[in-house]
N, C-alpha and C. Protein backbone atom coordinates (compact mmCIF):
# COMPACT_ATOMS: atom_id res chain seq x y z
N MET A 1 15.90 39.71 85.25
CA MET A 1 16.08 39.68 83.82
C MET A 1 16.81 40.94 83.35
N VAL A 2 16.45 42.07 83.90
CA VAL A 2 17.06 43.32 83.47
C VAL A 2 18.50 43.42 83.96
N ALA A 3 18.77 42.90 85.13
CA ALA A 3 20.11 43.01 85.70
C ALA A 3 21.06 41.93 85.20
N ALA A 4 20.57 40.97 84.43
CA ALA A 4 21.39 39.85 84.00
C ALA A 4 22.64 40.26 83.22
N PRO A 5 22.56 41.17 82.25
CA PRO A 5 23.79 41.52 81.53
C PRO A 5 24.88 42.08 82.44
N MET A 6 24.49 42.94 83.37
CA MET A 6 25.48 43.53 84.26
C MET A 6 26.03 42.49 85.22
N LEU A 7 25.17 41.68 85.80
CA LEU A 7 25.62 40.68 86.75
C LEU A 7 26.54 39.65 86.10
N LEU A 8 26.17 39.19 84.93
CA LEU A 8 26.99 38.18 84.25
C LEU A 8 28.34 38.75 83.83
N THR A 9 28.36 39.99 83.39
CA THR A 9 29.63 40.60 82.99
C THR A 9 30.55 40.79 84.18
N VAL A 10 30.01 41.31 85.27
CA VAL A 10 30.83 41.52 86.47
C VAL A 10 31.29 40.18 87.03
N LEU A 11 30.44 39.16 86.96
CA LEU A 11 30.83 37.83 87.40
C LEU A 11 31.98 37.28 86.56
N ALA A 12 31.88 37.43 85.24
CA ALA A 12 32.94 36.93 84.35
C ALA A 12 34.25 37.69 84.57
N VAL A 13 34.16 39.00 84.71
CA VAL A 13 35.38 39.79 84.95
C VAL A 13 35.99 39.41 86.29
N GLY A 14 35.18 39.23 87.30
CA GLY A 14 35.69 38.82 88.60
C GLY A 14 36.37 37.47 88.56
N LEU A 15 35.79 36.55 87.80
CA LEU A 15 36.39 35.23 87.67
C LEU A 15 37.73 35.30 86.95
N LEU A 16 37.79 36.08 85.87
CA LEU A 16 39.05 36.22 85.13
C LEU A 16 40.13 36.88 85.99
N VAL A 17 39.76 37.89 86.73
CA VAL A 17 40.72 38.56 87.61
C VAL A 17 41.19 37.62 88.70
N SER A 18 40.29 36.82 89.24
CA SER A 18 40.67 35.86 90.28
C SER A 18 41.62 34.81 89.74
N ILE A 19 41.36 34.34 88.53
CA ILE A 19 42.26 33.37 87.91
C ILE A 19 43.63 34.00 87.68
N PHE A 20 43.64 35.26 87.21
CA PHE A 20 44.90 35.97 87.01
C PHE A 20 45.66 36.14 88.31
N GLN A 21 44.95 36.50 89.38
CA GLN A 21 45.60 36.67 90.68
C GLN A 21 46.15 35.35 91.20
N ALA A 22 45.41 34.26 91.00
CA ALA A 22 45.89 32.96 91.48
C ALA A 22 47.11 32.51 90.69
N ALA A 23 47.13 32.80 89.40
CA ALA A 23 48.25 32.38 88.56
C ALA A 23 49.51 33.19 88.86
N THR A 24 49.35 34.46 89.14
CA THR A 24 50.51 35.33 89.36
C THR A 24 50.81 35.57 90.83
N GLN A 25 49.94 35.14 91.71
CA GLN A 25 50.05 35.32 93.15
C GLN A 25 50.12 36.80 93.53
N ILE A 26 49.44 37.63 92.76
CA ILE A 26 49.31 39.05 93.09
C ILE A 26 48.02 39.19 93.90
N ASN A 27 48.12 39.74 95.09
CA ASN A 27 46.95 39.90 95.94
C ASN A 27 46.72 41.38 96.22
N GLU A 28 46.17 42.05 95.26
CA GLU A 28 45.93 43.49 95.35
C GLU A 28 44.43 43.74 95.31
N ALA A 29 43.91 44.51 96.24
CA ALA A 29 42.46 44.75 96.34
C ALA A 29 41.94 45.56 95.16
N THR A 30 42.72 46.54 94.72
CA THR A 30 42.25 47.37 93.61
C THR A 30 42.24 46.61 92.31
N LEU A 31 43.02 45.55 92.22
CA LEU A 31 43.05 44.75 91.00
C LEU A 31 41.72 44.02 90.79
N THR A 32 40.99 43.75 91.86
CA THR A 32 39.68 43.12 91.71
C THR A 32 38.57 44.16 91.55
N PHE A 33 38.75 45.32 92.15
CA PHE A 33 37.68 46.32 92.18
C PHE A 33 37.59 47.12 90.88
N VAL A 34 38.70 47.61 90.39
CA VAL A 34 38.71 48.51 89.23
C VAL A 34 38.18 47.83 87.96
N PRO A 35 38.62 46.63 87.60
CA PRO A 35 38.08 46.01 86.38
C PRO A 35 36.56 45.76 86.45
N LYS A 36 36.07 45.42 87.63
CA LYS A 36 34.63 45.20 87.77
C LYS A 36 33.85 46.50 87.55
N ILE A 37 34.35 47.60 88.09
CA ILE A 37 33.69 48.89 87.91
C ILE A 37 33.72 49.30 86.45
N VAL A 38 34.87 49.13 85.80
CA VAL A 38 34.98 49.48 84.39
C VAL A 38 34.03 48.63 83.54
N ALA A 39 33.95 47.34 83.83
CA ALA A 39 33.05 46.46 83.09
C ALA A 39 31.59 46.85 83.33
N ALA A 40 31.24 47.18 84.56
CA ALA A 40 29.87 47.57 84.88
C ALA A 40 29.48 48.86 84.16
N VAL A 41 30.38 49.82 84.11
CA VAL A 41 30.10 51.07 83.41
C VAL A 41 29.96 50.82 81.91
N ALA A 42 30.81 49.95 81.35
CA ALA A 42 30.72 49.63 79.92
C ALA A 42 29.40 48.95 79.58
N VAL A 43 28.99 48.01 80.42
CA VAL A 43 27.71 47.32 80.17
C VAL A 43 26.56 48.30 80.33
N LEU A 44 26.64 49.17 81.30
CA LEU A 44 25.59 50.17 81.49
C LEU A 44 25.50 51.11 80.30
N ALA A 45 26.64 51.44 79.72
CA ALA A 45 26.64 52.32 78.55
C ALA A 45 26.03 51.62 77.34
N VAL A 46 26.28 50.33 77.21
CA VAL A 46 25.78 49.59 76.05
C VAL A 46 24.32 49.15 76.26
N ALA A 47 24.02 48.55 77.40
CA ALA A 47 22.70 47.99 77.64
C ALA A 47 21.79 48.91 78.44
N GLY A 48 22.27 50.07 78.82
CA GLY A 48 21.49 50.99 79.64
C GLY A 48 20.15 51.40 79.04
N PRO A 49 20.12 51.80 77.76
CA PRO A 49 18.82 52.18 77.18
C PRO A 49 17.81 51.04 77.19
N TRP A 50 18.25 49.83 76.89
CA TRP A 50 17.34 48.67 76.93
C TRP A 50 16.85 48.42 78.35
N MET A 51 17.76 48.52 79.32
CA MET A 51 17.38 48.29 80.71
C MET A 51 16.37 49.34 81.17
N LEU A 52 16.61 50.59 80.82
CA LEU A 52 15.71 51.66 81.22
C LEU A 52 14.34 51.51 80.58
N THR A 53 14.30 51.16 79.29
CA THR A 53 13.03 50.96 78.60
C THR A 53 12.25 49.81 79.22
N THR A 54 12.94 48.73 79.53
CA THR A 54 12.28 47.57 80.15
C THR A 54 11.71 47.93 81.51
N LEU A 55 12.47 48.65 82.31
CA LEU A 55 12.00 49.03 83.64
C LEU A 55 10.83 50.01 83.57
N VAL A 56 10.87 50.95 82.65
CA VAL A 56 9.77 51.91 82.50
C VAL A 56 8.50 51.18 82.04
N ASP A 57 8.61 50.25 81.10
CA ASP A 57 7.45 49.48 80.65
C ASP A 57 6.86 48.67 81.80
N TYR A 58 7.72 48.06 82.60
CA TYR A 58 7.26 47.29 83.75
C TYR A 58 6.53 48.18 84.75
N LEU A 59 7.10 49.34 85.03
CA LEU A 59 6.48 50.26 85.98
C LEU A 59 5.13 50.75 85.46
N GLN A 60 5.03 51.04 84.18
CA GLN A 60 3.76 51.47 83.60
C GLN A 60 2.71 50.37 83.72
N ARG A 61 3.07 49.14 83.39
CA ARG A 61 2.12 48.03 83.50
C ARG A 61 1.68 47.82 84.94
N THR A 62 2.62 47.97 85.86
CA THR A 62 2.30 47.77 87.28
C THR A 62 1.35 48.85 87.78
N LEU A 63 1.63 50.10 87.44
CA LEU A 63 0.77 51.19 87.89
C LEU A 63 -0.61 51.13 87.24
N GLN A 64 -0.68 50.69 85.99
CA GLN A 64 -1.98 50.57 85.32
C GLN A 64 -2.79 49.39 85.84
N ALA A 65 -2.13 48.42 86.47
CA ALA A 65 -2.83 47.27 87.00
C ALA A 65 -3.38 47.51 88.40
N ILE A 66 -3.01 48.59 89.02
CA ILE A 66 -3.47 48.87 90.40
C ILE A 66 -5.00 48.91 90.50
N PRO A 67 -5.70 49.61 89.61
CA PRO A 67 -7.16 49.64 89.76
C PRO A 67 -7.82 48.26 89.64
N THR A 68 -7.27 47.38 88.81
CA THR A 68 -7.87 46.05 88.69
C THR A 68 -7.60 45.19 89.92
N VAL A 69 -6.49 45.43 90.58
CA VAL A 69 -6.15 44.65 91.76
C VAL A 69 -6.94 45.15 92.97
N VAL A 70 -7.08 46.45 93.08
CA VAL A 70 -7.74 47.03 94.25
C VAL A 70 -9.25 46.81 94.21
N GLY A 71 -9.83 46.95 93.06
CA GLY A 71 -11.26 46.79 93.14
C GLY A 71 -11.92 46.92 91.84
């Protein structure tokens, strides 16, 4: 759930770049790599605080549940 924004964005960018490469017959490795990295950094900048808050809340709930699970 937390990784969904990043995964979907990188997937969409990869698909668009692949379509562009197929249409223009340009087969350059950096053309697929650089846009994905830029998109991932942009999503991390926008959704990073939400992702971090969600992960910290999950970790807190998990650590607080240890005593109930153990005994």
